[in-house]
Amino acid sequence: QVQLVESGGGLVQPGKSLSLSCGASGSIFNIYKMGWYRQAPGKQREMVATISISEDGVTNYADWVKGRFTISGDLAKPTVSLQMNSLEPEDTTVYYCYTGVLRGGYENFWGQGTQVTVSS
């Protein structure tokens, strides 16, 4: 099992920034991808940004966040962070840390979620 703990969420005014962080613990080996997803009440969980925890370090972003958010990961920790700039009220929702593990098959692990609220 992999345990993921998020931090950094909170209340912020429009146009300001937040930085989300996630640390992994437990059976942490063969992690190949980490990222951030979001899910509003009554809606499906959707990808925000992912990063390949490898030499490539390939990142992927949802179209609506490119240019505003930056994801980074550190396999040695392991941790994943999401720098969120120019936040808008539409960004308000719960953000979840994701870790993908490959060990005789693919396994997905999720954090408990951290609330981001963008409001004046």
C-alpha atoms as a PDB file:
ATOM      1  CA  GLN A   1       0.000   0.000   0.000  1.00  0.00           C
ATOM      2  CA  VAL A   2       0.968   3.588  -0.695  1.00  0.00           C
ATOM      3  CA  GLN A   3      -0.251   6.414   1.504  1.00  0.00           C
ATOM      4  CA  LEU A   4      -0.533   9.919   0.057  1.00  0.00           C
ATOM      5  CA  VAL A   5      -0.902  13.050   2.166  1.00  0.00           C
ATOM      6  CA  GLU A   6      -1.733  16.402   0.578  1.00  0.00           C
ATOM      7  CA  SER A   7      -1.136  19.850   1.979  1.00  0.00           C
ATOM      8  CA  GLY A   8      -1.298  23.457   0.846  1.00  0.00           C
ATOM      9  CA  GLY A   9      -4.972  23.889   0.077  1.00  0.00           C
ATOM     10  CA  GLY A  10      -6.999  26.738   1.452  1.00  0.00           C
ATOM     11  CA  LEU A  11      -8.752  30.003   0.673  1.00  0.00           C
ATOM     12  CA  VAL A  12      -7.176  32.434  -1.771  1.00  0.00           C
ATOM     13  CA  GLN A  13      -8.334  35.532  -3.630  1.00  0.00           C
ATOM     14  CA  PRO A  14      -8.724  35.516  -7.423  1.00  0.00           C
ATOM     15  CA  GLY A  15      -5.468  36.128  -9.249  1.00  0.00           C
ATOM     16  CA  LYS A  16      -3.356  34.858  -6.373  1.00  0.00           C
ATOM     17  CA  SER A  17      -1.378  31.647  -5.995  1.00  0.00           C
ATOM     18  CA  LEU A  18      -1.307  28.435  -4.012  1.00  0.00           C
ATOM     19  CA  SER A  19       1.138  25.559  -3.916  1.00  0.00           C
ATOM     20  CA  LEU A  20      -0.084  22.037  -3.272  1.00  0.00           C
ATOM     21  CA  SER A  21       2.266  19.332  -2.051  1.00  0.00           C
ATOM     22  CA  CYS A  22       1.914  15.593  -1.685  1.00  0.00           C
ATOM     23  CA  GLY A  23       4.202  13.120   0.028  1.00  0.00           C
ATOM     24  CA  ALA A  24       4.099   9.372  -0.450  1.00  0.00           C
ATOM     25  CA  SER A  25       4.853   6.787   2.208  1.00  0.00           C
ATOM     26  CA  GLY A  26       4.426   3.078   2.776  1.00  0.00           C
ATOM     27  CA  SER A  27       5.318   0.622   0.041  1.00  0.00           C
ATOM     28  CA  ILE A  28       6.945   3.241  -2.147  1.00  0.00           C
ATOM     29  CA  PHE A  29       8.781   1.562  -4.963  1.00  0.00           C
ATOM     30  CA  ASN A  30       8.259   1.321  -8.709  1.00  0.00           C
ATOM     31  CA  ILE A  31       6.365   4.607  -8.800  1.00  0.00           C
ATOM     32  CA  TYR A  32       6.124   5.621 -12.442  1.00  0.00           C
ATOM     33  CA  LYS A  33       3.694   8.542 -12.409  1.00  0.00           C
ATOM     34  CA  MET A  34       2.331  11.099  -9.982  1.00  0.00           C
ATOM     35  CA  GLY A  35      -0.117  13.896 -10.452  1.00  0.00           C
ATOM     36  CA  TRP A  36      -3.088  15.943  -9.388  1.00  0.00           C
ATOM     37  CA  TYR A  37      -6.752  15.452 -10.149  1.00  0.00           C
ATOM     38  CA  ARG A  38      -9.804  17.398  -9.114  1.00  0.00           C
ATOM     39  CA  GLN A  39     -13.393  16.499  -8.386  1.00  0.00           C
ATOM     40  CA  ALA A  40     -16.340  18.748  -7.719  1.00  0.00           C
ATOM     41  CA  PRO A  41     -19.413  17.458  -5.871  1.00  0.00           C
ATOM     42  CA  GLY A  42     -21.558  15.331  -8.156  1.00  0.00           C
ATOM     43  CA  LYS A  43     -18.987  15.348 -10.941  1.00  0.00           C
ATOM     44  CA  GLN A  44     -16.364  12.924 -12.206  1.00  0.00           C
ATOM     45  CA  ARG A  45     -12.756  13.177 -11.177  1.00  0.00           C
ATOM     46  CA  GLU A  46     -10.639  14.792 -13.893  1.00  0.00           C
ATOM     47  CA  MET A  47      -6.943  15.141 -14.533  1.00  0.00           C
ATOM     48  CA  VAL A  48      -5.280  18.447 -13.777  1.00  0.00           C
ATOM     49  CA  ALA A  49      -1.622  17.599 -14.291  1.00  0.00           C
ATOM     50  CA  THR A  50       0.615  14.537 -14.238  1.00  0.00           C
ATOM     51  CA  ILE A  51       4.343  13.953 -14.314  1.00  0.00           C
ATOM     52  CA  SER A  52       6.288  10.829 -15.169  1.00  0.00           C
ATOM     53  CA  ILE A  53       8.602   9.948 -12.291  1.00  0.00           C
ATOM     54  CA  SER A  54      11.470   8.940 -14.538  1.00  0.00           C
ATOM     55  CA  GLU A  55      14.379  10.381 -16.430  1.00  0.00           C
ATOM     56  CA  ASP A  56      11.919  11.761 -18.949  1.00  0.00           C
ATOM     57  CA  GLY A  57       9.876  13.739 -16.443  1.00  0.00           C
ATOM     58  CA  VAL A  58       7.189  14.228 -19.075  1.00  0.00           C
ATOM     59  CA  THR A  59       4.362  16.433 -17.887  1.00  0.00           C
ATOM     60  CA  ASN A  60       0.774  16.641 -19.037  1.00  0.00           C
ATOM     61  CA  TYR A  61      -1.774  19.322 -18.276  1.00  0.00           C
ATOM     62  CA  ALA A  62      -5.450  19.781 -18.819  1.00  0.00           C
ATOM     63  CA  ASP A  63      -6.016  22.408 -21.492  1.00  0.00           C
ATOM     64  CA  TRP A  64      -7.607  24.795 -19.062  1.00  0.00           C
ATOM     65  CA  VAL A  65      -4.594  24.939 -16.704  1.00  0.00           C
ATOM     66  CA  LYS A  66      -1.653  25.143 -19.113  1.00  0.00           C
ATOM     67  CA  GLY A  67       0.345  28.298 -18.549  1.00  0.00           C
ATOM     68  CA  ARG A  68      -1.066  28.819 -15.053  1.00  0.00           C
ATOM     69  CA  PHE A  69      -0.104  25.652 -13.157  1.00  0.00           C
ATOM     70  CA  THR A  70       3.239  23.881 -12.941  1.00  0.00           C
ATOM     71  CA  ILE A  71       3.702  20.332 -11.698  1.00  0.00           C
ATOM     72  CA  SER A  72       6.966  18.993 -10.331  1.00  0.00           C
ATOM     73  CA  GLY A  73       7.999  15.686  -8.831  1.00  0.00           C
ATOM     74  CA  ASP A  74      10.873  14.210  -6.884  1.00  0.00           C
ATOM     75  CA  LEU A  75      11.319  10.448  -7.027  1.00  0.00           C
ATOM     76  CA  ALA A  76      13.871  10.507  -4.210  1.00  0.00           C
ATOM     77  CA  LYS A  77      11.369  11.788  -1.639  1.00  0.00           C
ATOM     78  CA  PRO A  78       8.967  10.904  -3.303  1.00  0.00           C
ATOM     79  CA  THR A  79       6.813  14.004  -3.584  1.00  0.00           C
ATOM     80  CA  VAL A  80       4.743  15.854  -6.133  1.00  0.00           C
ATOM     81  CA  SER A  81       3.810  19.514  -6.075  1.00  0.00           C
ATOM     82  CA  LEU A  82       1.461  21.749  -8.013  1.00  0.00           C
ATOM     83  CA  GLN A  83       2.192  25.444  -8.249  1.00  0.00           C
ATOM     84  CA  MET A  84      -1.102  27.154  -9.007  1.00  0.00           C
ATOM     85  CA  ASN A  85      -0.931  30.734 -10.277  1.00  0.00           C
ATOM     86  CA  SER A  86      -3.573  33.165 -11.498  1.00  0.00           C
ATOM     87  CA  LEU A  87      -6.281  31.251  -9.698  1.00  0.00           C
ATOM     88  CA  GLU A  88      -9.889  31.849 -10.676  1.00  0.00           C
ATOM     89  CA  PRO A  89     -13.151  31.098  -8.858  1.00  0.00           C
ATOM     90  CA  GLU A  90     -13.735  28.307 -11.384  1.00  0.00           C
ATOM     91  CA  ASP A  91     -10.705  26.514  -9.927  1.00  0.00           C
ATOM     92  CA  THR A  92     -12.571  26.003  -6.655  1.00  0.00           C
ATOM     93  CA  THR A  93     -12.914  22.309  -5.860  1.00  0.00           C
ATOM     94  CA  VAL A  94     -11.193  19.414  -4.123  1.00  0.00           C
ATOM     95  CA  TYR A  95      -7.795  18.422  -5.473  1.00  0.00           C
ATOM     96  CA  TYR A  96      -6.447  14.888  -5.086  1.00  0.00           C
ATOM     97  CA  CYS A  97      -2.909  13.575  -5.212  1.00  0.00           C
ATOM     98  CA  TYR A  98      -2.382  10.569  -7.485  1.00  0.00           C
ATOM     99  CA  THR A  99       0.361   7.981  -7.652  1.00  0.00           C
ATOM    100  CA  GLY A 100       0.658   5.218 -10.199  1.00  0.00           C
ATOM    101  CA  VAL A 101       2.706   2.154  -9.289  1.00  0.00           C
ATOM    102  CA  LEU A 102       3.934  -0.608 -11.579  1.00  0.00           C
ATOM    103  CA  ARG A 103       4.784  -3.823  -9.731  1.00  0.00           C
ATOM    104  CA  GLY A 104       3.532  -6.879 -11.572  1.00  0.00           C
ATOM    105  CA  GLY A 105       0.621  -4.774 -12.748  1.00  0.00           C
ATOM    106  CA  TYR A 106      -0.652  -1.225 -12.497  1.00  0.00           C
ATOM    107  CA  GLU A 107      -1.988   0.130  -9.197  1.00  0.00           C
ATOM    108  CA  ASN A 108      -3.451   3.562  -8.526  1.00  0.00           C
ATOM    109  CA  PHE A 109      -3.398   5.347  -5.180  1.00  0.00           C
ATOM    110  CA  TRP A 110      -5.157   8.512  -4.081  1.00  0.00           C
ATOM    111  CA  GLY A 111      -4.810  11.051  -1.325  1.00  0.00           C
ATOM    112  CA  GLN A 112      -7.693  12.163   0.855  1.00  0.00           C
ATOM    113  CA  GLY A 113      -8.099  15.423  -1.063  1.00  0.00           C
ATOM    114  CA  THR A 114      -7.422  19.048  -0.195  1.00  0.00           C
ATOM    115  CA  GLN A 115      -9.901  21.873  -0.667  1.00  0.00           C
ATOM    116  CA  VAL A 116      -8.981  24.856  -2.825  1.00  0.00           C
ATOM    117  CA  THR A 117     -11.354  27.796  -2.630  1.00  0.00           C
ATOM    118  CA  VAL A 118     -10.862  30.889  -4.786  1.00  0.00           C
ATOM    119  CA  SER A 119     -13.068  33.743  -3.642  1.00  0.00           C
ATOM    120  CA  SER A 120     -12.921  37.451  -2.916  1.00  0.00           C
END
